Amino acid sequence: MNYYIITTEVYNTINKANIRFRLFNLAKTNVLVSTTDTISNPIEEFSNSTDASTYTQTNKVDWTDNGYGIPQWDIDFMEYIPELDV
């Protein structure tokens, strides 16, 4: 699995069937995704879900309004449903 932060413009071009987890930042300008695709030139790239989770905790003001960031288990176990983006 690959873990990225990408712009919404890039997100709109990738294959949604290959996404496992998706979360827009609060401004809706960037997207945290886990995907089987390889994405060129992401804003951020993470080695694993732990690193992605830590990033959202460090930058929680951009990603959540709960003050905690995204737990690793959310990234690992919450499934993206492509039909929600239609």
Protein backbone atom coordinates (compact mmCIF):
# COMPACT_ATOMS: atom_id res chain seq x y z
CA MET A 1 0.00 0.00 0.00
CA ASN A 2 1.16 3.54 -0.77
CA TYR A 3 0.33 6.53 1.42
CA TYR A 4 0.21 10.05 0.00
CA ILE A 5 -1.04 13.55 0.44
CA ILE A 6 -2.07 14.87 -2.95
CA THR A 7 -3.97 17.86 -4.26
CA THR A 8 -7.67 17.53 -4.99
CA GLU A 9 -6.82 18.04 -8.67
CA VAL A 10 -4.58 14.97 -8.66
CA TYR A 11 -7.14 13.06 -6.61
CA ASN A 12 -9.78 13.69 -9.27
CA THR A 13 -7.57 11.95 -11.86
CA ILE A 14 -6.61 8.76 -10.00
CA ASN A 15 -8.37 5.42 -10.19
CA LYS A 16 -10.84 5.38 -7.28
CA ALA A 17 -11.06 1.58 -7.42
CA ASN A 18 -7.46 1.41 -6.15
CA ILE A 19 -8.05 3.63 -3.10
CA ARG A 20 -8.41 2.01 0.31
CA PHE A 21 -8.58 5.14 2.53
CA ARG A 22 -9.41 8.75 1.66
CA LEU A 23 -9.63 11.89 3.79
CA PHE A 24 -9.83 15.50 2.61
CA ASN A 25 -8.15 18.13 4.73
CA LEU A 26 -10.44 20.69 6.35
CA ALA A 27 -9.87 23.20 3.53
CA LYS A 28 -10.73 20.50 0.93
CA THR A 29 -7.53 21.37 -0.97
CA ASN A 30 -5.50 18.23 -0.21
CA VAL A 31 -6.31 14.57 0.23
CA LEU A 32 -4.67 11.84 2.31
CA VAL A 33 -5.00 8.53 0.46
CA SER A 34 -3.81 4.98 0.75
CA THR A 35 -3.77 3.37 -2.66
CA THR A 36 -2.18 0.59 -4.63
CA ASP A 37 -1.32 3.13 -7.33
CA THR A 38 2.00 4.92 -7.54
CA ILE A 39 1.51 8.68 -7.68
CA SER A 40 4.19 10.93 -9.11
CA ASN A 41 5.07 14.16 -7.32
CA PRO A 42 2.74 13.99 -4.30
CA ILE A 43 2.78 16.77 -1.73
CA GLU A 44 3.86 14.19 0.88
CA GLU A 45 4.66 10.49 0.68
CA PHE A 46 4.73 8.19 3.70
CA SER A 47 6.40 4.82 4.23
CA ASN A 48 3.45 3.43 6.18
CA SER A 49 0.17 4.26 7.88
CA THR A 50 1.95 5.09 11.14
CA ASP A 51 3.91 7.88 9.45
CA ALA A 52 0.76 9.19 7.74
CA SER A 53 -1.10 9.19 11.06
CA THR A 54 1.77 10.98 12.80
CA TYR A 55 1.74 13.64 10.09
CA THR A 56 -1.95 14.35 10.67
CA GLN A 57 -1.37 14.52 14.42
CA THR A 58 1.48 16.99 13.97
CA ASN A 59 -0.61 19.03 11.51
CA LYS A 60 -3.99 18.38 13.13
CA VAL A 61 -5.22 21.93 12.60
CA ASP A 62 -5.22 21.18 8.85
CA TRP A 63 -6.79 17.72 9.04
CA THR A 64 -9.25 17.45 11.91
CA ASP A 65 -11.20 19.69 14.17
CA ASN A 66 -10.91 17.26 17.07
CA GLY A 67 -7.39 18.28 18.09
CA TYR A 68 -5.93 14.78 17.72
CA GLY A 69 -5.26 13.94 14.09
CA ILE A 70 -6.17 10.68 12.37
CA PRO A 71 -5.50 7.45 14.30
CA GLN A 72 -3.49 4.81 12.48
CA TRP A 73 -6.30 2.27 12.82
CA ASP A 74 -8.61 4.61 10.85
CA ILE A 75 -6.16 4.61 7.95
CA ASP A 76 -5.69 0.84 8.18
CA PHE A 77 -9.29 -0.27 8.67
CA MET A 78 -11.73 2.36 7.41
CA GLU A 79 -12.68 1.48 3.83
CA TYR A 80 -13.17 4.10 1.17
CA ILE A 81 -16.46 3.76 -0.72
CA PRO A 82 -16.04 5.20 -4.26
CA GLU A 83 -19.78 5.73 -4.66
CA LEU A 84 -19.61 8.49 -2.03
CA ASP A 85 -17.66 10.69 -4.48
CA VAL A 86 -20.28 10.51 -7.21
